N, C-alpha and C. Protein backbone atom coordinates (compact mmCIF):
# COMPACT_ATOMS: atom_id res chain seq x y z
N UNK A 1 216.23 159.46 1.77
CA UNK A 1 216.60 160.43 1.99
C UNK A 1 217.77 161.38 1.19
N UNK A 2 218.50 161.32 1.39
CA UNK A 2 219.57 162.12 0.59
C UNK A 2 220.37 161.32 0.08
N UNK A 3 221.27 162.09 -1.05
CA UNK A 3 221.58 161.50 -1.91
C UNK A 3 223.77 160.75 -0.93
N UNK A 4 223.66 159.42 -1.52
CA UNK A 4 224.96 158.75 -1.13
C UNK A 4 226.07 160.08 -0.75
N UNK A 5 227.01 160.21 -2.00
CA UNK A 5 227.58 161.31 -1.84
C UNK A 5 227.28 162.48 -1.07
N UNK A 6 226.24 162.82 -0.78
CA UNK A 6 225.54 163.84 0.65
C UNK A 6 226.61 163.66 2.00
N UNK A 7 226.21 161.45 1.94
CA UNK A 7 226.49 161.15 3.38
C UNK A 7 228.15 160.87 3.33
N UNK A 8 229.06 161.20 2.04
CA UNK A 8 230.10 160.56 2.08
C UNK A 8 230.95 161.59 2.85
N UNK A 9 230.43 162.96 2.00
CA UNK A 9 230.66 164.23 2.26
C UNK A 9 230.72 164.65 3.78
N UNK A 10 229.42 163.87 4.57
CA UNK A 10 229.37 164.37 5.74
C UNK A 10 230.84 163.50 6.60
N UNK A 11 230.97 162.06 6.72
CA UNK A 11 231.87 161.70 6.94
C UNK A 11 233.09 161.99 6.66
N UNK A 12 233.57 162.61 5.73
CA UNK A 12 234.78 163.54 5.44
C UNK A 12 234.65 164.52 6.61
N UNK A 13 233.99 165.11 7.03
CA UNK A 13 233.12 165.81 7.34
C UNK A 13 233.93 165.88 8.71
N UNK A 14 233.17 165.22 9.03
CA UNK A 14 233.42 164.45 10.89
C UNK A 14 234.84 163.82 10.41
N UNK A 15 235.65 163.84 9.77
CA UNK A 15 237.15 163.14 10.42
C UNK A 15 237.93 164.06 10.07
N UNK A 16 237.39 165.30 9.57
CA UNK A 16 237.70 166.89 9.55
C UNK A 16 237.89 167.27 10.84
N UNK A 17 236.39 167.42 11.30
CA UNK A 17 236.47 167.55 13.11
C UNK A 17 237.50 166.96 13.79
N UNK A 18 237.20 165.36 13.70
CA UNK A 18 238.46 164.27 14.05
C UNK A 18 239.84 164.89 14.65
N UNK A 19 239.91 164.85 13.28
CA UNK A 19 241.71 165.57 13.04
C UNK A 19 242.05 166.34 13.83
N UNK A 20 240.64 167.48 13.49
CA UNK A 20 241.14 168.80 13.63
C UNK A 20 242.01 168.82 15.74
N UNK A 21 240.70 167.98 15.95
CA UNK A 21 241.14 168.16 17.52
C UNK A 21 242.12 167.36 17.71
N UNK A 22 242.31 165.96 17.28
CA UNK A 22 243.76 165.62 17.52
C UNK A 22 244.93 166.34 17.27
N UNK A 23 245.26 167.33 15.96
CA UNK A 23 246.33 167.78 16.12
C UNK A 23 246.06 169.07 16.88
N UNK A 24 245.55 169.92 17.49
CA UNK A 24 245.13 170.66 18.33
C UNK A 24 246.13 170.00 19.15
N UNK A 25 245.68 169.65 20.10
CA UNK A 25 245.62 168.58 21.53
C UNK A 25 247.55 168.21 20.65
N UNK A 26 247.04 167.60 19.78
CA UNK A 26 249.46 166.85 19.77
C UNK A 26 250.09 168.35 19.40
N UNK A 27 249.65 169.01 18.53
CA UNK A 27 250.80 170.23 17.93
C UNK A 27 250.37 171.73 18.71
N UNK A 28 249.31 171.77 18.90
CA UNK A 28 249.07 173.57 19.37
C UNK A 28 248.15 174.14 18.46
N UNK A 29 248.13 174.27 16.89
CA UNK A 29 247.33 174.22 16.15
C UNK A 29 246.80 173.20 15.27
N UNK A 30 246.30 173.90 14.20
CA UNK A 30 245.06 173.75 13.73
C UNK A 30 245.91 173.78 11.87
N UNK A 31 246.41 173.27 11.28
CA UNK A 31 246.66 173.70 9.80
C UNK A 31 245.39 173.90 8.83
N UNK A 32 245.71 175.07 7.99
CA UNK A 32 243.92 174.85 6.63
C UNK A 32 243.57 174.01 6.43
N UNK A 33 245.04 172.55 5.94
CA UNK A 33 244.76 172.15 5.47
C UNK A 33 243.37 171.01 5.87
N UNK A 34 243.98 170.89 7.14
CA UNK A 34 242.91 170.08 8.05
C UNK A 34 241.35 170.73 8.41
N UNK A 35 241.51 171.87 8.50
CA UNK A 35 240.35 172.50 8.80
C UNK A 35 239.36 172.87 7.00
N UNK A 36 240.22 172.66 6.34
CA UNK A 36 239.24 171.96 4.89
C UNK A 36 238.71 171.00 4.86
N UNK A 37 238.52 170.02 5.64
CA UNK A 37 237.75 168.50 5.00
C UNK A 37 236.76 168.88 6.68
N UNK A 38 236.38 169.90 7.18
CA UNK A 38 234.86 170.42 7.84
C UNK A 38 234.06 170.76 6.48
N UNK A 39 234.55 171.16 5.68
CA UNK A 39 233.30 172.00 4.43
C UNK A 39 232.62 170.90 4.07
N UNK A 40 232.39 168.96 4.66
CA UNK A 40 231.75 168.57 3.49
C UNK A 40 229.60 169.23 4.72
N UNK A 41 230.03 169.11 5.37
CA UNK A 41 228.90 169.73 6.06
C UNK A 41 228.14 171.22 5.68
N UNK A 42 229.25 171.60 4.59
CA UNK A 42 228.54 172.66 3.81
C UNK A 42 227.43 172.43 2.87
N UNK A 43 228.48 171.26 2.73
CA UNK A 43 227.74 170.58 1.20
C UNK A 43 226.28 170.24 1.55
N UNK A 44 225.72 169.45 2.97
CA UNK A 44 225.28 168.94 3.80
C UNK A 44 223.92 169.86 3.89
N UNK A 45 224.93 171.32 4.77
CA UNK A 45 223.22 173.05 4.83
C UNK A 45 222.69 173.49 2.95
N UNK A 46 223.56 173.72 2.74
CA UNK A 46 223.27 173.40 0.80
C UNK A 46 221.68 172.63 0.29
N UNK A 47 222.05 171.17 0.15
CA UNK A 47 221.15 170.54 -0.28
C UNK A 47 219.98 170.24 0.56
N UNK A 48 219.93 170.67 1.98
CA UNK A 48 218.88 171.17 2.97
C UNK A 48 217.97 172.45 2.36
N UNK A 49 218.58 173.30 2.43
CA UNK A 49 218.43 174.71 1.99
C UNK A 49 218.12 174.71 0.47
N UNK A 50 218.08 174.27 0.17
CA UNK A 50 218.17 174.20 -1.60
C UNK A 50 217.27 173.52 -1.95
N UNK A 51 216.89 171.70 -1.86
CA UNK A 51 216.53 171.07 -2.25
C UNK A 51 215.58 170.05 -1.09
N UNK A 52 215.92 170.61 -0.58
CA UNK A 52 215.27 170.22 1.44
C UNK A 52 215.40 168.57 0.84
N UNK A 53 214.62 167.87 2.41
CA UNK A 53 214.70 166.35 2.33
C UNK A 53 213.24 166.02 1.95
N UNK A 54 213.35 164.58 0.96
CA UNK A 54 212.28 163.97 0.83
C UNK A 54 211.50 162.53 1.42
N UNK A 55 210.68 163.42 1.77
CA UNK A 55 209.68 162.43 3.09
C UNK A 55 209.67 161.31 2.60
N UNK A 56 209.76 160.30 3.97
CA UNK A 56 209.98 158.42 3.42
C UNK A 56 208.36 157.99 2.61
N UNK A 57 208.15 157.40 2.19
CA UNK A 57 206.72 157.41 1.67
C UNK A 57 206.53 156.14 2.11
N UNK A 58 205.24 155.93 2.37
CA UNK A 58 204.78 154.39 2.75
C UNK A 58 204.30 153.37 2.44
């Protein structure tokens, strides 16, 4: 349904959210470089908006 590289960016984005949460609880703020990892979801949103998902053929 989606290219593998979109999935990899989503995985990196999820690690960005996890890292941001852990960093916030440990030091009280989240540096900008940790927040940058959450940009992986932007690629997924653009992919869905512009190209769309392919239907699975039976």
